[in-house]
PDB file of N, CA and C in Angstrom:
ATOM      1  N   UNK A   1     -13.201  16.886  -1.015  1.00  0.00           N
ATOM      2  CA  UNK A   1     -12.205  16.850  -1.791  1.00  0.00           C
ATOM      3  C   UNK A   1     -11.150  15.817  -0.941  1.00  0.00           C
ATOM      4  N   UNK A   2     -11.781  15.088   0.163  1.00  0.00           N
ATOM      5  CA  UNK A   2     -11.580  14.334   1.249  1.00  0.00           C
ATOM      6  C   UNK A   2     -11.847  12.760   0.421  1.00  0.00           C
ATOM      7  N   UNK A   3     -13.412  13.478  -0.188  1.00  0.00           N
ATOM      8  CA  UNK A   3     -13.921  11.780  -0.565  1.00  0.00           C
ATOM      9  C   UNK A   3     -13.008  10.710  -2.048  1.00  0.00           C
ATOM     10  N   UNK A   4     -12.364  12.180  -2.561  1.00  0.00           N
ATOM     11  CA  UNK A   4     -11.314  11.929  -4.396  1.00  0.00           C
ATOM     12  C   UNK A   4     -10.001  11.387  -3.973  1.00  0.00           C
ATOM     13  N   UNK A   5      -9.781  10.945  -3.073  1.00  0.00           N
ATOM     14  CA  UNK A   5      -8.166  10.043  -2.511  1.00  0.00           C
ATOM     15  C   UNK A   5      -8.380   8.701  -2.724  1.00  0.00           C
ATOM     16  N   UNK A   6      -6.885   8.838  -3.556  1.00  0.00           N
ATOM     17  CA  UNK A   6      -7.252   7.042  -3.563  1.00  0.00           C
ATOM     18  C   UNK A   6      -6.756   6.217  -2.706  1.00  0.00           C
ATOM     19  N   UNK A   7      -7.632   5.290  -2.289  1.00  0.00           N
ATOM     20  CA  UNK A   7      -7.609   3.969  -1.837  1.00  0.00           C
ATOM     21  C   UNK A   7      -7.063   2.757  -2.033  1.00  0.00           C
ATOM     22  N   UNK A   8      -6.390   1.906  -1.742  1.00  0.00           N
ATOM     23  CA  UNK A   8      -5.826   0.965  -2.034  1.00  0.00           C
ATOM     24  C   UNK A   8      -5.897  -0.816  -1.114  1.00  0.00           C
ATOM     25  N   UNK A   9      -5.494  -1.722  -1.381  1.00  0.00           N
ATOM     26  CA  UNK A   9      -5.289  -2.722  -0.086  1.00  0.00           C
ATOM     27  C   UNK A   9      -4.333  -3.059  -0.872  1.00  0.00           C
ATOM     28  N   UNK A  10      -3.201  -3.643   0.028  1.00  0.00           N
ATOM     29  CA  UNK A  10      -1.929  -4.228  -0.065  1.00  0.00           C
ATOM     30  C   UNK A  10      -1.159  -4.988   1.361  1.00  0.00           C
ATOM     31  N   UNK A  11      -0.447  -5.667   0.322  1.00  0.00           N
ATOM     32  CA  UNK A  11       0.216  -6.779   1.864  1.00  0.00           C
ATOM     33  C   UNK A  11       1.430  -5.637   2.108  1.00  0.00           C
ATOM     34  N   UNK A  12       2.026  -5.231   3.861  1.00  0.00           N
ATOM     35  CA  UNK A  12       2.990  -5.137   4.611  1.00  0.00           C
ATOM     36  C   UNK A  12       4.459  -6.007   3.908  1.00  0.00           C
ATOM     37  N   UNK A  13       5.424  -5.192   3.059  1.00  0.00           N
ATOM     38  CA  UNK A  13       6.425  -6.157   2.989  1.00  0.00           C
ATOM     39  C   UNK A  13       7.841  -5.339   3.590  1.00  0.00           C
ATOM     40  N   UNK A  14       7.752  -4.654   3.971  1.00  0.00           N
ATOM     41  CA  UNK A  14       8.726  -4.279   5.167  1.00  0.00           C
ATOM     42  C   UNK A  14       7.933  -2.735   5.987  1.00  0.00           C
ATOM     43  N   UNK A  15       8.586  -3.409   7.279  1.00  0.00           N
ATOM     44  CA  UNK A  15       9.109  -2.909   8.353  1.00  0.00           C
ATOM     45  C   UNK A  15       9.412  -2.106   9.010  1.00  0.00           C
ATOM     46  N   UNK A  16      10.631  -1.880   8.296  1.00  0.00           N
ATOM     47  CA  UNK A  16      11.666  -1.875   8.679  1.00  0.00           C
ATOM     48  C   UNK A  16      12.010  -0.357   9.863  1.00  0.00           C
ATOM     49  N   UNK A  17      11.665   0.690   8.374  1.00  0.00           N
ATOM     50  CA  UNK A  17      12.129   2.396   8.982  1.00  0.00           C
ATOM     51  C   UNK A  17      10.996   2.602   9.813  1.00  0.00           C
ATOM     52  N   UNK A  18      11.735   3.470  10.544  1.00  0.00           N
ATOM     53  CA  UNK A  18      10.619   4.603  11.666  1.00  0.00           C
ATOM     54  C   UNK A  18       9.504   4.750  10.985  1.00  0.00           C
ATOM     55  N   UNK A  19       8.065   4.812  11.796  1.00  0.00           N
ATOM     56  CA  UNK A  19       7.323   5.296  11.185  1.00  0.00           C
ATOM     57  C   UNK A  19       6.099   5.473   9.759  1.00  0.00           C
ATOM     58  N   UNK A  20       7.084   4.777   8.572  1.00  0.00           N
ATOM     59  CA  UNK A  20       6.412   4.134   7.380  1.00  0.00           C
ATOM     60  C   UNK A  20       7.035   2.389   7.461  1.00  0.00           C
ATOM     61  N   UNK A  21       5.494   1.511   6.780  1.00  0.00           N
ATOM     62  CA  UNK A  21       6.267   0.775   5.512  1.00  0.00           C
ATOM     63  C   UNK A  21       5.813   0.930   3.903  1.00  0.00           C
ATOM     64  N   UNK A  22       6.586  -0.387   4.023  1.00  0.00           N
ATOM     65  CA  UNK A  22       6.243  -0.119   2.506  1.00  0.00           C
ATOM     66  C   UNK A  22       5.204  -1.148   2.083  1.00  0.00           C
ATOM     67  N   UNK A  23       4.017  -0.460   1.201  1.00  0.00           N
ATOM     68  CA  UNK A  23       3.170  -1.473   1.239  1.00  0.00           C
ATOM     69  C   UNK A  23       2.980  -2.335  -0.328  1.00  0.00           C
ATOM     70  N   UNK A  24       2.670  -3.515  -0.619  1.00  0.00           N
ATOM     71  CA  UNK A  24       2.995  -3.879  -1.766  1.00  0.00           C
ATOM     72  C   UNK A  24       1.333  -4.373  -2.816  1.00  0.00           C
ATOM     73  N   UNK A  25       0.967  -3.665  -3.810  1.00  0.00           N
ATOM     74  CA  UNK A  25      -0.666  -3.916  -3.814  1.00  0.00           C
ATOM     75  C   UNK A  25      -0.268  -4.282  -4.976  1.00  0.00           C
ATOM     76  N   UNK A  26      -1.516  -5.540  -5.719  1.00  0.00           N
ATOM     77  CA  UNK A  26      -1.175  -6.150  -7.015  1.00  0.00           C
ATOM     78  C   UNK A  26      -2.432  -6.271  -7.560  1.00  0.00           C
ATOM     79  N   UNK A  27      -1.635  -5.994  -8.429  1.00  0.00           N
ATOM     80  CA  UNK A  27      -3.474  -5.597  -9.470  1.00  0.00           C
ATOM     81  C   UNK A  27      -3.319  -6.445 -10.557  1.00  0.00           C
ATOM     82  N   UNK A  28      -4.639  -6.868 -11.607  1.00  0.00           N
ATOM     83  CA  UNK A  28      -4.355  -7.707 -12.923  1.00  0.00           C
ATOM     84  C   UNK A  28      -4.917  -6.522 -13.384  1.00  0.00           C
ATOM     85  N   UNK A  29      -4.294  -7.049 -14.839  1.00  0.00           N
ATOM     86  CA  UNK A  29      -4.814  -6.674 -16.149  1.00  0.00           C
ATOM     87  C   UNK A  29      -4.708  -7.179 -17.246  1.00  0.00           C
ATOM     88  N   UNK A  30      -5.488  -7.081 -17.783  1.00  0.00           N
ATOM     89  CA  UNK A  30      -5.449  -7.729 -19.500  1.00  0.00           C
ATOM     90  C   UNK A  30      -4.081  -6.874 -20.691  1.00  0.00           C
ATOM     91  N   UNK A  31      -4.177  -7.794 -21.412  1.00  0.00           N
ATOM     92  CA  UNK A  31      -2.992  -7.108 -21.732  1.00  0.00           C
ATOM     93  C   UNK A  31      -3.231  -6.952 -23.502  1.00  0.00           C
ATOM     94  N   UNK A  32      -3.261  -5.962 -23.837  1.00  0.00           N
ATOM     95  CA  UNK A  32      -3.695  -5.287 -24.921  1.00  0.00           C
ATOM     96  C   UNK A  32      -4.067  -5.905 -26.071  1.00  0.00           C
ATOM     97  N   UNK A  33      -2.963  -6.620 -26.400  1.00  0.00           N
ATOM     98  CA  UNK A  33      -3.369  -7.066 -28.202  1.00  0.00           C
ATOM     99  C   UNK A  33      -3.247  -9.195 -27.410  1.00  0.00           C
ATOM    100  N   UNK A  34      -2.448  -9.465 -26.499  1.00  0.00           N
ATOM    101  CA  UNK A  34      -2.885 -11.209 -26.009  1.00  0.00           C
ATOM    102  C   UNK A  34      -3.635 -11.591 -25.731  1.00  0.00           C
ATOM    103  N   UNK A  35      -4.612 -10.511 -24.293  1.00  0.00           N
ATOM    104  CA  UNK A  35      -5.921 -11.114 -23.536  1.00  0.00           C
ATOM    105  C   UNK A  35      -5.252 -11.921 -22.603  1.00  0.00           C
ATOM    106  N   UNK A  36      -4.234 -12.058 -22.396  1.00  0.00           N
ATOM    107  CA  UNK A  36      -3.147 -12.663 -21.386  1.00  0.00           C
ATOM    108  C   UNK A  36      -3.551 -11.663 -20.346  1.00  0.00           C
ATOM    109  N   UNK A  37      -3.693 -12.051 -19.344  1.00  0.00           N
ATOM    110  CA  UNK A  37      -4.133 -11.623 -17.670  1.00  0.00           C
ATOM    111  C   UNK A  37      -2.854 -11.547 -16.856  1.00  0.00           C
ATOM    112  N   UNK A  38      -2.615 -10.392 -16.598  1.00  0.00           N
ATOM    113  CA  UNK A  38      -0.963 -10.346 -16.758  1.00  0.00           C
ATOM    114  C   UNK A  38      -1.103  -9.683 -14.738  1.00  0.00           C
ATOM    115  N   UNK A  39      -0.372 -10.396 -14.227  1.00  0.00           N
ATOM    116  CA  UNK A  39      -0.595  -9.531 -12.991  1.00  0.00           C
ATOM    117  C   UNK A  39       0.894  -8.655 -12.438  1.00  0.00           C
ATOM    118  N   UNK A  40       0.315  -7.508 -11.627  1.00  0.00           N
ATOM    119  CA  UNK A  40       0.949  -6.341 -11.935  1.00  0.00           C
ATOM    120  C   UNK A  40       1.184  -6.513 -10.225  1.00  0.00           C
ATOM    121  N   UNK A  41       2.505  -6.108 -10.067  1.00  0.00           N
ATOM    122  CA  UNK A  41       2.574  -5.623  -8.408  1.00  0.00           C
ATOM    123  C   UNK A  41       3.803  -3.837  -8.469  1.00  0.00           C
ATOM    124  N   UNK A  42       2.753  -3.422  -7.153  1.00  0.00           N
ATOM    125  CA  UNK A  42       3.645  -2.192  -7.200  1.00  0.00           C
ATOM    126  C   UNK A  42       4.054  -1.895  -5.790  1.00  0.00           C
ATOM    127  N   UNK A  43       5.090  -1.380  -5.250  1.00  0.00           N
ATOM    128  CA  UNK A  43       5.482  -1.430  -3.801  1.00  0.00           C
ATOM    129  C   UNK A  43       5.244   0.837  -3.554  1.00  0.00           C
ATOM    130  N   UNK A  44       4.437   0.952  -2.937  1.00  0.00           N
ATOM    131  CA  UNK A  44       4.140   2.233  -1.608  1.00  0.00           C
ATOM    132  C   UNK A  44       4.909   2.556  -0.481  1.00  0.00           C
ATOM    133  N   UNK A  45       5.634   3.358  -0.487  1.00  0.00           N
ATOM    134  CA  UNK A  45       5.512   3.906   1.149  1.00  0.00           C
ATOM    135  C   UNK A  45       4.609   4.522   2.233  1.00  0.00           C
ATOM    136  N   UNK A  46       4.375   3.955   2.698  1.00  0.00           N
ATOM    137  CA  UNK A  46       3.285   4.559   3.736  1.00  0.00           C
ATOM    138  C   UNK A  46       3.401   4.672   5.569  1.00  0.00           C
ATOM    139  N   UNK A  47       3.166   6.160   5.952  1.00  0.00           N
ATOM    140  CA  UNK A  47       3.535   6.611   6.954  1.00  0.00           C
ATOM    141  C   UNK A  47       2.238   5.734   7.899  1.00  0.00           C
ATOM    142  N   UNK A  48       2.632   5.020   8.874  1.00  0.00           N
ATOM    143  CA  UNK A  48       2.284   4.926   9.571  1.00  0.00           C
ATOM    144  C   UNK A  48       2.801   5.062  11.301  1.00  0.00           C
ATOM    145  N   UNK A  49       1.887   6.184  11.832  1.00  0.00           N
ATOM    146  CA  UNK A  49       2.337   6.379  12.585  1.00  0.00           C
ATOM    147  C   UNK A  49       2.529   6.001  14.063  1.00  0.00           C
ATOM    148  N   UNK A  50       2.089   4.570  14.371  1.00  0.00           N
ATOM    149  CA  UNK A  50       2.296   4.268  15.861  1.00  0.00           C
ATOM    150  C   UNK A  50       2.898   2.847  15.933  1.00  0.00           C
ATOM    151  N   UNK A  51       3.581   2.907  14.206  1.00  0.00           N
ATOM    152  CA  UNK A  51       4.029   1.892  13.754  1.00  0.00           C
ATOM    153  C   UNK A  51       4.077   0.519  14.638  1.00  0.00           C
ATOM    154  N   UNK A  52       1.947   0.180  14.722  1.00  0.00           N
ATOM    155  CA  UNK A  52       2.040  -1.268  14.524  1.00  0.00           C
ATOM    156  C   UNK A  52       1.435  -1.960  13.678  1.00  0.00           C
ATOM    157  N   UNK A  53       2.109  -1.500  12.131  1.00  0.00           N
ATOM    158  CA  UNK A  53       1.832  -2.712  10.860  1.00  0.00           C
ATOM    159  C   UNK A  53       3.343  -3.527  11.189  1.00  0.00           C
ATOM    160  N   UNK A  54       3.042  -4.785  10.756  1.00  0.00           N
ATOM    161  CA  UNK A  54       3.549  -5.948  10.624  1.00  0.00           C
ATOM    162  C   UNK A  54       4.412  -7.008   9.420  1.00  0.00           C
ATOM    163  N   UNK A  55       5.193  -7.538   9.063  1.00  0.00           N
ATOM    164  CA  UNK A  55       5.516  -7.782   7.813  1.00  0.00           C
ATOM    165  C   UNK A  55       4.240  -8.733   7.676  1.00  0.00           C
ATOM    166  N   UNK A  56       3.616  -8.959   6.607  1.00  0.00           N
ATOM    167  CA  UNK A  56       2.470 -10.066   5.913  1.00  0.00           C
ATOM    168  C   UNK A  56       1.101  -9.217   6.545  1.00  0.00           C
ATOM    169  N   UNK A  57       0.762  -8.179   7.053  1.00  0.00           N
ATOM    170  CA  UNK A  57      -0.170  -7.392   7.595  1.00  0.00           C
ATOM    171  C   UNK A  57      -0.944  -7.155   6.589  1.00  0.00           C
ATOM    172  N   UNK A  58      -2.481  -7.421   5.885  1.00  0.00           N
ATOM    173  CA  UNK A  58      -3.110  -6.717   4.964  1.00  0.00           C
ATOM    174  C   UNK A  58      -3.593  -5.438   5.286  1.00  0.00           C
ATOM    175  N   UNK A  59      -3.434  -4.549   4.777  1.00  0.00           N
ATOM    176  CA  UNK A  59      -3.895  -3.185   4.913  1.00  0.00           C
ATOM    177  C   UNK A  59      -4.324  -2.021   4.541  1.00  0.00           C
ATOM    178  N   UNK A  60      -5.385  -1.460   4.404  1.00  0.00           N
ATOM    179  CA  UNK A  60      -6.332  -0.509   3.372  1.00  0.00           C
ATOM    180  C   UNK A  60      -5.236   1.021   3.632  1.00  0.00           C
ATOM    181  N   UNK A  61      -4.529   1.307   2.565  1.00  0.00           N
ATOM    182  CA  UNK A  61      -3.257   3.046   2.626  1.00  0.00           C
ATOM    183  C   UNK A  61      -4.603   3.940   1.888  1.00  0.00           C
ATOM    184  N   UNK A  62      -3.697   5.227   1.858  1.00  0.00           N
ATOM    185  CA  UNK A  62      -4.945   6.008   1.220  1.00  0.00           C
ATOM    186  C   UNK A  62      -3.438   7.539   1.189  1.00  0.00           C
ATOM    187  N   UNK A  63      -4.332   7.745  -0.122  1.00  0.00           N
ATOM    188  CA  UNK A  63      -3.581   9.206  -0.638  1.00  0.00           C
ATOM    189  C   UNK A  63      -3.390  10.206   0.275  1.00  0.00           C
ATOM    190  N   UNK A  64      -2.092  10.671   0.678  1.00  0.00           N
ATOM    191  CA  UNK A  64      -2.391  11.925   1.307  1.00  0.00           C
ATOM    192  C   UNK A  64      -0.840  13.000   1.237  1.00  0.00           C
ATOM    193  N   UNK A  65      -0.722  13.700   1.723  1.00  0.00           N
ATOM    194  CA  UNK A  65       0.291  15.305   1.573  1.00  0.00           C
ATOM    195  C   UNK A  65       1.368  14.587   1.498  1.00  0.00           C
ATOM    196  N   UNK A  66       2.480  14.698   0.611  1.00  0.00           N
ATOM    197  CA  UNK A  66       3.619  14.373   0.887  1.00  0.00           C
ATOM    198  C   UNK A  66       4.437  15.243   1.844  1.00  0.00           C
ATOM    199  N   UNK A  67       5.157  13.594   2.109  1.00  0.00           N
ATOM    200  CA  UNK A  67       5.825  13.417   4.123  1.00  0.00           C
ATOM    201  C   UNK A  67       7.301  13.386   3.616  1.00  0.00           C
ATOM    202  N   UNK A  68       7.395  13.250   2.580  1.00  0.00           N
ATOM    203  CA  UNK A  68       9.230  12.872   1.896  1.00  0.00           C
ATOM    204  C   UNK A  68       9.319  12.648   0.316  1.00  0.00           C
ATOM    205  N   UNK A  69      10.603  12.274   0.233  1.00  0.00           N
ATOM    206  CA  UNK A  69      10.310  12.526  -1.487  1.00  0.00           C
ATOM    207  C   UNK A  69       9.666  11.166  -1.528  1.00  0.00           C
ATOM    208  N   UNK A  70       9.704  10.222  -1.244  1.00  0.00           N
ATOM    209  CA  UNK A  70       8.790   9.004  -1.775  1.00  0.00           C
ATOM    210  C   UNK A  70       7.354   8.554  -1.312  1.00  0.00           C
ATOM    211  N   UNK A  71       7.347   9.492   0.302  1.00  0.00           N
ATOM    212  CA  UNK A  71       6.407   8.714   1.025  1.00  0.00           C
ATOM    213  C   UNK A  71       5.180   9.631   0.700  1.00  0.00           C
ATOM    214  N   UNK A  72       3.891   9.229  -0.106  1.00  0.00           N
ATOM    215  CA  UNK A  72       2.628  10.176  -0.405  1.00  0.00           C
ATOM    216  C   UNK A  72       1.735   9.414   0.338  1.00  0.00           C
ATOM    217  N   UNK A  73       1.516   8.288   1.001  1.00  0.00           N
ATOM    218  CA  UNK A  73       0.439   7.596   1.397  1.00  0.00           C
ATOM    219  C   UNK A  73       0.755   7.436   2.679  1.00  0.00           C
ATOM    220  N   UNK A  74      -0.238   6.991   3.196  1.00  0.00           N
ATOM    221  CA  UNK A  74      -0.662   6.325   4.607  1.00  0.00           C
ATOM    222  C   UNK A  74      -1.847   5.573   5.047  1.00  0.00           C
ATOM    223  N   UNK A  75      -1.253   5.394   6.282  1.00  0.00           N
ATOM    224  CA  UNK A  75      -2.185   3.898   6.569  1.00  0.00           C
ATOM    225  C   UNK A  75      -3.376   4.670   7.735  1.00  0.00           C
ATOM    226  N   UNK A  76      -4.014   3.479   6.534  1.00  0.00           N
ATOM    227  CA  UNK A  76      -6.189   4.066   7.398  1.00  0.00           C
ATOM    228  C   UNK A  76      -6.046   2.570   8.562  1.00  0.00           C
ATOM    229  N   UNK A  77      -5.739   1.871   8.189  1.00  0.00           N
ATOM    230  CA  UNK A  77      -6.644   0.802   9.345  1.00  0.00           C
ATOM    231  C   UNK A  77      -5.460  -0.987   8.396  1.00  0.00           C
ATOM    232  N   UNK A  78      -6.028  -2.051   9.643  1.00  0.00           N
ATOM    233  CA  UNK A  78      -5.344  -2.931   9.059  1.00  0.00           C
ATOM    234  C   UNK A  78      -5.862  -3.400   8.931  1.00  0.00           C
ATOM    235  N   UNK A  79      -6.762  -3.768   7.913  1.00  0.00           N
ATOM    236  CA  UNK A  79      -7.344  -5.030   7.744  1.00  0.00           C
ATOM    237  C   UNK A  79      -7.244  -6.712   8.162  1.00  0.00           C
ATOM    238  N   UNK A  80      -6.560  -7.378   8.314  1.00  0.00           N
ATOM    239  CA  UNK A  80      -5.789  -8.793   9.150  1.00  0.00           C
ATOM    240  C   UNK A  80      -4.325  -8.312   8.924  1.00  0.00           C
ATOM    241  N   UNK A  81      -4.336  -9.209  10.165  1.00  0.00           N
ATOM    242  CA  UNK A  81      -2.709  -9.640  11.196  1.00  0.00           C
ATOM    243  C   UNK A  81      -2.135 -10.331   9.904  1.00  0.00           C
ATOM    244  N   UNK A  82      -1.269 -10.626  10.640  1.00  0.00           N
ATOM    245  CA  UNK A  82      -0.189 -12.027  10.284  1.00  0.00           C
ATOM    246  C   UNK A  82      -0.544 -12.673  11.060  1.00  0.00           C
ATOM    247  N   UNK A  83      -0.595 -13.685  10.422  1.00  0.00           N
ATOM    248  CA  UNK A  83       0.156 -15.290  10.977  1.00  0.00           C
ATOM    249  C   UNK A  83       1.497 -15.206  11.521  1.00  0.00           C
TER     250      UNK A  83
END
C-alpha cells in the first residue's frame, strides 16, 4: 500500500510554522478548448519533523495520514537547497 502514495516535487514558500512548511507545486495543463498551455500552482502544507527546510528549498513530499485540519503531506527529502 505504501507504494501507492502520491509523491510531488515543489518549492518551500513558507517555513514560519513549527514542524510545518508550505510547499508550492507547479504543474502544466493544456486548456481543453483552446489548447493553450497553462501553468497551475497548488499549495500543500507538509510535515517537517526536524524543521530543516528553508524558504526556497526544492523538496519532495509524500502523501501521509492527516496530522491536522490541513496537513496531509510529509517532507521526504530536500532535493536542492536555496542559495
